[in-house]
């Protein structure tokens, strides 16, 4: 039980550090003129779902469960088998690229893969932190929980302040 508590505590600590670091990095990059206007539009479109109970429940399920589980299995679990730091960096870059993919598919513009914006560095930092957490705990559920908590807090703040 003590081991579980220490891994859960580490998970909460890493989640807090990720959240604070991503907020600070995002604010810094926005002040440098690298803001992403599509982030504002996507939050506004999320708010439209609030009135539709079933759609909102689906959206919350995606944010809280489906996305963190699938992304952690795709982007963190392979680091269990390949422990080389270059692989960790490569898989983290793929994580960042995967978050640009919906924009590429919507616009058919491959330049979005190369776009550096206020989300790029924070996403890369999150990916590396979750790789570290997985390596440190050896438990994929720790990264899934951290990812889920991070998404929940961001989702709630976006709905409140956007």
N, C-alpha and C. Protein backbone atom coordinates (compact mmCIF):
# COMPACT_ATOMS: atom_id res chain seq x y z
N UNK A 1 0.82 -1.20 0.00
CA UNK A 1 0.00 0.00 0.00
C UNK A 1 0.87 1.26 0.00
N UNK A 2 1.98 1.21 0.71
CA UNK A 2 2.89 2.35 0.76
C UNK A 2 3.50 2.63 -0.61
N UNK A 3 3.83 1.56 -1.34
CA UNK A 3 4.38 1.70 -2.68
C UNK A 3 3.37 2.35 -3.61
N UNK A 4 2.10 1.93 -3.51
CA UNK A 4 1.04 2.51 -4.31
C UNK A 4 0.89 3.99 -4.00
N UNK A 5 0.91 4.35 -2.74
CA UNK A 5 0.77 5.75 -2.33
C UNK A 5 1.91 6.60 -2.86
N UNK A 6 3.12 6.07 -2.84
CA UNK A 6 4.26 6.85 -3.32
C UNK A 6 4.18 7.06 -4.83
N UNK A 7 3.73 6.05 -5.58
CA UNK A 7 3.60 6.19 -7.03
C UNK A 7 2.44 7.12 -7.38
N UNK A 8 1.37 7.05 -6.60
CA UNK A 8 0.24 7.96 -6.81
C UNK A 8 0.66 9.40 -6.49
N UNK A 9 1.41 9.58 -5.41
CA UNK A 9 1.92 10.90 -5.05
C UNK A 9 2.84 11.46 -6.12
N UNK A 10 3.72 10.62 -6.67
CA UNK A 10 4.61 11.04 -7.74
C UNK A 10 3.80 11.43 -8.98
N UNK A 11 2.76 10.67 -9.26
CA UNK A 11 1.89 10.97 -10.40
C UNK A 11 1.24 12.33 -10.23
N UNK A 12 0.72 12.62 -9.06
CA UNK A 12 0.10 13.92 -8.80
C UNK A 12 1.13 15.05 -8.88
N UNK A 13 2.32 14.80 -8.35
CA UNK A 13 3.38 15.80 -8.40
C UNK A 13 3.76 16.11 -9.84
N UNK A 14 3.98 15.08 -10.64
CA UNK A 14 4.36 15.27 -12.05
C UNK A 14 3.25 16.00 -12.80
N UNK A 15 2.01 15.64 -12.53
CA UNK A 15 0.87 16.30 -13.18
C UNK A 15 0.86 17.79 -12.85
N UNK A 16 1.10 18.13 -11.60
CA UNK A 16 1.14 19.53 -11.17
C UNK A 16 2.27 20.27 -11.85
N UNK A 17 3.45 19.67 -11.90
CA UNK A 17 4.60 20.30 -12.56
C UNK A 17 4.31 20.50 -14.04
N UNK A 18 3.73 19.49 -14.69
CA UNK A 18 3.40 19.60 -16.12
C UNK A 18 2.41 20.75 -16.33
N UNK A 19 1.40 20.81 -15.49
CA UNK A 19 0.39 21.86 -15.66
C UNK A 19 1.01 23.24 -15.51
N UNK A 20 1.75 23.44 -14.45
CA UNK A 20 2.37 24.76 -14.21
C UNK A 20 3.35 25.11 -15.33
N UNK A 21 4.18 24.16 -15.73
CA UNK A 21 5.16 24.42 -16.79
C UNK A 21 4.49 24.72 -18.12
N UNK A 22 3.44 23.98 -18.46
CA UNK A 22 2.78 24.24 -19.74
C UNK A 22 2.06 25.59 -19.75
N UNK A 23 1.48 25.97 -18.63
CA UNK A 23 0.84 27.29 -18.55
C UNK A 23 1.90 28.38 -18.74
N UNK A 24 3.01 28.26 -18.02
CA UNK A 24 4.06 29.28 -18.12
C UNK A 24 4.67 29.31 -19.52
N UNK A 25 4.94 28.14 -20.09
CA UNK A 25 5.51 28.10 -21.44
C UNK A 25 4.54 28.67 -22.48
N UNK A 26 3.26 28.32 -22.36
CA UNK A 26 2.26 28.82 -23.29
C UNK A 26 2.16 30.34 -23.20
N UNK A 27 2.12 30.87 -21.99
CA UNK A 27 2.06 32.33 -21.81
C UNK A 27 3.29 33.01 -22.40
N UNK A 28 4.46 32.41 -22.16
CA UNK A 28 5.70 32.96 -22.70
C UNK A 28 5.66 33.00 -24.23
N UNK A 29 5.28 31.89 -24.84
CA UNK A 29 5.27 31.84 -26.31
C UNK A 29 4.18 32.74 -26.90
N UNK A 30 3.07 32.89 -26.20
CA UNK A 30 2.04 33.81 -26.67
C UNK A 30 2.53 35.26 -26.62
N UNK A 31 3.31 35.59 -25.58
CA UNK A 31 3.89 36.93 -25.49
C UNK A 31 4.92 37.17 -26.59
N UNK A 32 5.52 36.08 -27.08
CA UNK A 32 6.49 36.18 -28.18
C UNK A 32 5.80 36.21 -29.55
N UNK A 33 4.48 36.18 -29.56
CA UNK A 33 3.75 36.25 -30.82
C UNK A 33 3.49 34.91 -31.48
N UNK A 34 3.62 33.83 -30.74
CA UNK A 34 3.40 32.50 -31.31
C UNK A 34 2.06 31.92 -30.87
N UNK A 35 1.08 32.77 -30.62
CA UNK A 35 -0.23 32.30 -30.16
C UNK A 35 -0.94 31.51 -31.26
N UNK A 36 -1.79 30.61 -30.83
CA UNK A 36 -2.54 29.78 -31.75
C UNK A 36 -4.01 30.19 -31.69
N UNK A 37 -4.48 30.83 -32.73
CA UNK A 37 -5.87 31.28 -32.75
C UNK A 37 -6.83 30.09 -32.85
N UNK A 38 -6.39 28.99 -33.46
CA UNK A 38 -7.25 27.82 -33.58
C UNK A 38 -7.59 27.23 -32.21
N UNK A 39 -6.72 27.43 -31.22
CA UNK A 39 -7.02 26.94 -29.87
C UNK A 39 -8.23 27.68 -29.31
N UNK A 40 -8.31 28.97 -29.57
CA UNK A 40 -9.45 29.75 -29.09
C UNK A 40 -10.73 29.27 -29.77
N UNK A 41 -10.66 29.05 -31.09
CA UNK A 41 -11.83 28.58 -31.83
C UNK A 41 -12.27 27.19 -31.36
N UNK A 42 -11.32 26.31 -31.06
CA UNK A 42 -11.70 24.96 -30.64
C UNK A 42 -12.36 24.99 -29.26
N UNK A 43 -11.91 25.88 -28.38
CA UNK A 43 -12.56 26.01 -27.07
C UNK A 43 -13.96 26.56 -27.24
N UNK A 44 -14.14 27.53 -28.13
CA UNK A 44 -15.47 28.08 -28.37
C UNK A 44 -16.40 27.01 -28.93
N UNK A 45 -15.89 26.15 -29.81
CA UNK A 45 -16.73 25.08 -30.35
C UNK A 45 -17.04 24.04 -29.29
N UNK A 46 -16.13 23.83 -28.32
CA UNK A 46 -16.41 22.92 -27.21
C UNK A 46 -17.58 23.42 -26.39
N UNK A 47 -17.62 24.72 -26.20
CA UNK A 47 -18.70 25.30 -25.39
C UNK A 47 -20.07 25.06 -26.02
N UNK A 48 -20.11 24.91 -27.33
CA UNK A 48 -21.37 24.63 -28.01
C UNK A 48 -21.93 23.27 -27.61
N UNK A 49 -21.06 22.34 -27.25
CA UNK A 49 -21.48 21.00 -26.87
C UNK A 49 -22.14 20.96 -25.49
N UNK A 50 -21.90 21.97 -24.67
CA UNK A 50 -22.38 21.96 -23.29
C UNK A 50 -23.90 21.83 -23.24
N UNK A 51 -24.60 22.46 -24.18
CA UNK A 51 -26.06 22.39 -24.19
C UNK A 51 -26.60 21.05 -24.67
N UNK A 52 -25.81 20.29 -25.39
CA UNK A 52 -26.25 18.99 -25.92
C UNK A 52 -25.73 17.90 -24.98
N UNK A 53 -26.58 17.41 -24.11
CA UNK A 53 -26.14 16.48 -23.06
C UNK A 53 -25.36 15.29 -23.59
N UNK A 54 -25.88 14.58 -24.58
CA UNK A 54 -25.23 13.37 -25.06
C UNK A 54 -23.88 13.69 -25.71
N UNK A 55 -23.83 14.73 -26.52
CA UNK A 55 -22.57 15.11 -27.16
C UNK A 55 -21.54 15.57 -26.13
N UNK A 56 -22.00 16.28 -25.13
CA UNK A 56 -21.09 16.75 -24.09
C UNK A 56 -20.52 15.56 -23.30
N UNK A 57 -21.36 14.58 -23.01
CA UNK A 57 -20.89 13.38 -22.31
C UNK A 57 -19.85 12.65 -23.14
N UNK A 58 -20.07 12.55 -24.45
CA UNK A 58 -19.08 11.92 -25.34
C UNK A 58 -17.77 12.70 -25.33
N UNK A 59 -17.88 14.01 -25.39
CA UNK A 59 -16.68 14.86 -25.39
C UNK A 59 -15.89 14.69 -24.10
N UNK A 60 -16.59 14.69 -22.98
CA UNK A 60 -15.93 14.51 -21.68
C UNK A 60 -15.27 13.13 -21.60
N UNK A 61 -15.95 12.10 -22.09
CA UNK A 61 -15.37 10.75 -22.08
C UNK A 61 -14.11 10.69 -22.93
N UNK A 62 -14.13 11.39 -24.06
CA UNK A 62 -12.93 11.42 -24.91
C UNK A 62 -11.77 12.10 -24.19
N UNK A 63 -12.07 13.22 -23.55
CA UNK A 63 -11.02 13.99 -22.86
C UNK A 63 -10.49 13.24 -21.64
N UNK A 64 -11.39 12.63 -20.87
CA UNK A 64 -11.01 12.02 -19.60
C UNK A 64 -10.45 10.61 -19.72
N UNK A 65 -10.96 9.84 -20.67
CA UNK A 65 -10.61 8.42 -20.70
C UNK A 65 -9.97 7.99 -22.02
N UNK A 66 -10.69 8.13 -23.10
CA UNK A 66 -10.27 7.55 -24.37
C UNK A 66 -8.93 8.10 -24.85
N UNK A 67 -8.84 9.41 -24.93
CA UNK A 67 -7.61 10.03 -25.41
C UNK A 67 -6.39 9.71 -24.54
N UNK A 68 -6.46 9.88 -23.22
CA UNK A 68 -5.28 9.55 -22.40
C UNK A 68 -4.88 8.08 -22.50
N UNK A 69 -5.84 7.17 -22.51
CA UNK A 69 -5.51 5.74 -22.57
C UNK A 69 -4.85 5.39 -23.90
N UNK A 70 -5.46 5.82 -25.00
CA UNK A 70 -4.91 5.49 -26.32
C UNK A 70 -3.54 6.15 -26.53
N UNK A 71 -3.44 7.43 -26.18
CA UNK A 71 -2.17 8.12 -26.39
C UNK A 71 -1.05 7.55 -25.53
N UNK A 72 -1.36 7.19 -24.31
CA UNK A 72 -0.31 6.61 -23.45
C UNK A 72 0.12 5.24 -23.95
N UNK A 73 -0.81 4.46 -24.43
CA UNK A 73 -0.45 3.15 -24.99
C UNK A 73 0.38 3.30 -26.27
N UNK A 74 0.06 4.30 -27.07
CA UNK A 74 0.80 4.51 -28.31
C UNK A 74 2.15 5.17 -28.10
N UNK A 75 2.20 6.16 -27.22
CA UNK A 75 3.40 6.99 -27.13
C UNK A 75 4.28 6.75 -25.91
N UNK A 76 3.79 6.10 -24.89
CA UNK A 76 4.62 5.83 -23.72
C UNK A 76 4.96 4.34 -23.59
N UNK A 77 3.99 3.49 -23.83
CA UNK A 77 4.21 2.06 -23.62
C UNK A 77 5.40 1.51 -24.42
N UNK A 78 5.62 1.94 -25.68
CA UNK A 78 6.79 1.43 -26.41
C UNK A 78 8.13 1.74 -25.74
N UNK A 79 8.17 2.78 -24.90
CA UNK A 79 9.44 3.11 -24.23
C UNK A 79 9.81 2.06 -23.19
N UNK A 80 8.88 1.17 -22.89
CA UNK A 80 9.19 0.05 -21.98
C UNK A 80 10.18 -0.90 -22.63
N UNK A 81 10.10 -1.03 -23.95
CA UNK A 81 10.91 -1.99 -24.69
C UNK A 81 12.16 -1.37 -25.29
N UNK A 82 12.10 -0.09 -25.62
CA UNK A 82 13.25 0.62 -26.18
C UNK A 82 13.57 1.75 -25.23
N UNK A 83 14.62 1.59 -24.45
CA UNK A 83 14.93 2.54 -23.38
C UNK A 83 15.93 3.62 -23.78
N UNK A 84 16.32 3.64 -25.04
CA UNK A 84 17.30 4.62 -25.49
C UNK A 84 16.70 6.04 -25.46
N UNK A 85 17.47 7.03 -24.98
CA UNK A 85 16.97 8.41 -24.90
C UNK A 85 16.54 8.98 -26.26
N UNK A 86 17.21 8.59 -27.32
CA UNK A 86 16.84 9.09 -28.64
C UNK A 86 15.44 8.60 -29.02
N UNK A 87 15.12 7.37 -28.63
CA UNK A 87 13.78 6.84 -28.89
C UNK A 87 12.74 7.64 -28.10
N UNK A 88 13.07 7.98 -26.87
CA UNK A 88 12.15 8.78 -26.05
C UNK A 88 11.90 10.13 -26.70
N UNK A 89 12.93 10.77 -27.20
CA UNK A 89 12.77 12.06 -27.88
C UNK A 89 11.95 11.88 -29.16
N UNK A 90 12.24 10.82 -29.92
CA UNK A 90 11.52 10.57 -31.17
C UNK A 90 10.03 10.32 -30.91
N UNK A 91 9.72 9.52 -29.91
CA UNK A 91 8.32 9.21 -29.61
C UNK A 91 7.60 10.45 -29.08
N UNK A 92 8.34 11.32 -28.40
CA UNK A 92 7.77 12.59 -27.93
C UNK A 92 7.47 13.53 -29.09
N UNK A 93 8.35 13.54 -30.08
CA UNK A 93 8.10 14.34 -31.28
C UNK A 93 6.87 13.81 -32.01
N UNK A 94 6.72 12.50 -32.08
CA UNK A 94 5.52 11.92 -32.70
C UNK A 94 4.26 12.32 -31.95
N UNK A 95 4.35 12.42 -30.63
CA UNK A 95 3.22 12.86 -29.82
C UNK A 95 2.82 14.29 -30.22
N UNK A 96 3.80 15.16 -30.40
CA UNK A 96 3.53 16.54 -30.81
C UNK A 96 2.91 16.55 -32.21
N UNK A 97 3.47 15.78 -33.12
CA UNK A 97 2.96 15.72 -34.49
C UNK A 97 1.52 15.19 -34.50
N UNK A 98 1.23 14.23 -33.65
CA UNK A 98 -0.13 13.67 -33.63
C UNK A 98 -1.17 14.71 -33.23
N UNK A 99 -0.75 15.71 -32.49
CA UNK A 99 -1.67 16.77 -32.10
C UNK A 99 -1.84 17.81 -33.21
N UNK A 100 -0.96 17.80 -34.20
CA UNK A 100 -1.10 18.68 -35.36
C UNK A 100 -1.92 17.99 -36.45
N UNK A 101 -2.01 16.67 -36.39
CA UNK A 101 -2.65 15.90 -37.46
C UNK A 101 -4.09 16.32 -37.75
N UNK A 102 -4.96 16.54 -36.75
CA UNK A 102 -6.32 16.94 -37.09
C UNK A 102 -6.37 18.22 -37.93
N UNK A 103 -5.48 19.16 -37.65
CA UNK A 103 -5.43 20.40 -38.41
C UNK A 103 -4.97 20.12 -39.85
N UNK A 104 -4.01 19.21 -40.00
CA UNK A 104 -3.52 18.85 -41.34
C UNK A 104 -4.64 18.18 -42.13
N UNK A 105 -5.36 17.26 -41.49
CA UNK A 105 -6.44 16.55 -42.17
C UNK A 105 -7.57 17.50 -42.55
N UNK A 106 -7.85 18.47 -41.70
CA UNK A 106 -8.94 19.41 -41.97
C UNK A 106 -8.59 20.36 -43.11
N UNK A 107 -7.33 20.77 -43.20
CA UNK A 107 -6.95 21.78 -44.19
C UNK A 107 -6.17 21.19 -45.37
N UNK A 108 -5.71 19.97 -45.26
CA UNK A 108 -4.86 19.32 -46.28
C UNK A 108 -3.57 20.10 -46.50
N UNK A 109 -3.10 20.76 -45.46
CA UNK A 109 -1.89 21.56 -45.54
C UNK A 109 -0.83 20.93 -44.65
N UNK A 110 0.16 20.28 -45.27
CA UNK A 110 1.20 19.59 -44.52
C UNK A 110 2.12 20.54 -43.76
N UNK A 111 2.04 21.82 -44.02
CA UNK A 111 2.89 22.79 -43.32
C UNK A 111 2.58 22.84 -41.82
N UNK A 112 1.38 22.40 -41.42
CA UNK A 112 1.04 22.43 -40.00
C UNK A 112 1.93 21.47 -39.20
N UNK A 113 2.48 20.44 -39.88
CA UNK A 113 3.40 19.54 -39.17
C UNK A 113 4.66 20.29 -38.73
N UNK A 114 5.08 21.27 -39.52
CA UNK A 114 6.31 22.01 -39.23
C UNK A 114 6.05 23.29 -38.44
N UNK A 115 4.78 23.59 -38.16
CA UNK A 115 4.44 24.85 -37.49
C UNK A 115 4.89 24.83 -36.03
N UNK A 116 5.62 25.83 -35.64
CA UNK A 116 5.99 26.00 -34.24
C UNK A 116 5.04 27.05 -33.68
N UNK A 117 4.35 26.71 -32.61
CA UNK A 117 3.41 27.66 -32.01
C UNK A 117 3.44 27.52 -30.50
N UNK A 118 2.51 28.17 -29.83
CA UNK A 118 2.53 28.19 -28.37
C UNK A 118 2.22 26.83 -27.75
N UNK A 119 1.78 25.87 -28.55
CA UNK A 119 1.48 24.54 -28.01
C UNK A 119 2.61 23.54 -28.24
N UNK A 120 3.49 23.80 -29.17
CA UNK A 120 4.50 22.81 -29.58
C UNK A 120 5.45 22.44 -28.44
N UNK A 121 6.10 23.40 -27.84
CA UNK A 121 7.07 23.13 -26.78
C UNK A 121 6.39 22.55 -25.54
N UNK A 122 5.25 23.10 -25.09
CA UNK A 122 4.57 22.47 -23.95
C UNK A 122 4.18 21.02 -24.21
N UNK A 123 3.71 20.72 -25.42
CA UNK A 123 3.36 19.32 -25.75
C UNK A 123 4.60 18.42 -25.68
N UNK A 124 5.71 18.92 -26.20
CA UNK A 124 6.95 18.14 -26.16
C UNK A 124 7.39 17.92 -24.71
N UNK A 125 7.31 18.97 -23.89
CA UNK A 125 7.65 18.86 -22.47
C UNK A 125 6.76 17.82 -21.78
N UNK A 126 5.44 17.88 -22.04
CA UNK A 126 4.52 16.91 -21.45
C UNK A 126 4.90 15.49 -21.84
N UNK A 127 5.18 15.30 -23.11
CA UNK A 127 5.53 13.95 -23.59
C UNK A 127 6.77 13.42 -22.89
N UNK A 128 7.79 14.27 -22.76
CA UNK A 128 9.01 13.84 -22.06
C UNK A 128 8.74 13.55 -20.58
N UNK A 129 7.93 14.40 -19.95
CA UNK A 129 7.61 14.20 -18.54
C UNK A 129 6.85 12.90 -18.33
N UNK A 130 5.91 12.60 -19.22
CA UNK A 130 5.16 11.35 -19.08
C UNK A 130 6.04 10.14 -19.36
N UNK A 131 6.99 10.26 -20.27
CA UNK A 131 7.96 9.18 -20.49
C UNK A 131 8.78 8.95 -19.22
N UNK A 132 9.22 10.05 -18.61
CA UNK A 132 9.99 9.94 -17.37
C UNK A 132 9.16 9.30 -16.27
N UNK A 133 7.89 9.72 -16.13
CA UNK A 133 7.01 9.16 -15.11
C UNK A 133 6.81 7.66 -15.34
N UNK A 134 6.62 7.27 -16.56
CA UNK A 134 6.43 5.84 -16.86
C UNK A 134 7.69 5.04 -16.53
N UNK A 135 8.83 5.60 -16.91
CA UNK A 135 10.08 4.92 -16.61
C UNK A 135 10.31 4.82 -15.11
N UNK A 136 9.99 5.88 -14.41
CA UNK A 136 10.22 5.94 -12.96
C UNK A 136 9.31 5.00 -12.17
N UNK A 137 8.02 4.95 -12.58
CA UNK A 137 7.06 4.11 -11.85
C UNK A 137 6.95 2.71 -12.41
N UNK A 138 7.19 2.56 -13.71
CA UNK A 138 7.02 1.27 -14.36
C UNK A 138 5.55 0.90 -14.56
N UNK A 139 4.66 1.85 -14.31
CA UNK A 139 3.21 1.59 -14.41
C UNK A 139 2.57 2.54 -15.42
N UNK A 140 2.00 1.98 -16.46
CA UNK A 140 1.38 2.81 -17.49
C UNK A 140 0.15 3.55 -16.96
N UNK A 141 -0.51 3.00 -15.95
CA UNK A 141 -1.69 3.68 -15.41
C UNK A 141 -1.32 5.02 -14.77
N UNK A 142 -0.07 5.15 -14.31
CA UNK A 142 0.35 6.43 -13.74
C UNK A 142 0.36 7.53 -14.80
N UNK A 143 0.87 7.21 -15.99
CA UNK A 143 0.87 8.21 -17.06
C UNK A 143 -0.55 8.44 -17.58
N UNK A 144 -1.35 7.39 -17.62
CA UNK A 144 -2.75 7.56 -18.05
C UNK A 144 -3.50 8.47 -17.08
N UNK A 145 -3.30 8.26 -15.80
CA UNK A 145 -3.95 9.09 -14.79
C UNK A 145 -3.47 10.54 -14.88
N UNK A 146 -2.16 10.73 -15.01
CA UNK A 146 -1.61 12.08 -15.12
C UNK A 146 -2.16 12.79 -16.36
N UNK A 147 -2.16 12.09 -17.47
CA UNK A 147 -2.66 12.64 -18.73
C UNK A 147 -4.14 13.00 -18.59
N UNK A 148 -4.89 12.12 -17.99
CA UNK A 148 -6.32 12.35 -17.79
C UNK A 148 -6.57 13.56 -16.88
N UNK A 149 -5.86 13.63 -15.77
CA UNK A 149 -6.01 14.77 -14.86
C UNK A 149 -5.64 16.08 -15.55
N UNK A 150 -4.57 16.05 -16.31
CA UNK A 150 -4.15 17.24 -17.05
C UNK A 150 -5.25 17.68 -18.01
N UNK A 151 -5.81 16.73 -18.77
CA UNK A 151 -6.87 17.05 -19.71
C UNK A 151 -8.12 17.58 -19.01
N UNK A 152 -8.47 16.98 -17.89
CA UNK A 152 -9.66 17.40 -17.15
C UNK A 152 -9.51 18.84 -16.67
N UNK A 153 -8.37 19.16 -16.09
CA UNK A 153 -8.15 20.52 -15.58
C UNK A 153 -8.19 21.53 -16.73
N UNK A 154 -7.50 21.22 -17.83
CA UNK A 154 -7.50 22.13 -18.98
C UNK A 154 -8.89 22.27 -19.58
N UNK A 155 -9.61 21.18 -19.67
CA UNK A 155 -10.97 21.20 -20.22
C UNK A 155 -11.87 22.07 -19.35
N UNK A 156 -11.80 21.88 -18.06
CA UNK A 156 -12.64 22.65 -17.13
C UNK A 156 -12.27 24.13 -17.19
N UNK A 157 -10.99 24.44 -17.18
CA UNK A 157 -10.57 25.84 -17.24
C UNK A 157 -10.97 26.49 -18.57
N UNK A 158 -10.87 25.72 -19.64
CA UNK A 158 -11.27 26.24 -20.95
C UNK A 158 -12.76 26.57 -20.97
N UNK A 159 -13.56 25.71 -20.37
CA UNK A 159 -15.00 25.96 -20.35
C UNK A 159 -15.36 27.14 -19.46
N UNK A 160 -14.60 27.32 -18.39
CA UNK A 160 -14.89 28.40 -17.45
C UNK A 160 -14.43 29.75 -17.98
N UNK A 161 -13.21 29.82 -18.50
CA UNK A 161 -12.61 31.11 -18.83
C UNK A 161 -12.65 31.51 -20.29
N UNK A 162 -13.01 30.60 -21.18
CA UNK A 162 -13.01 30.96 -22.61
C UNK A 162 -14.28 31.68 -23.02
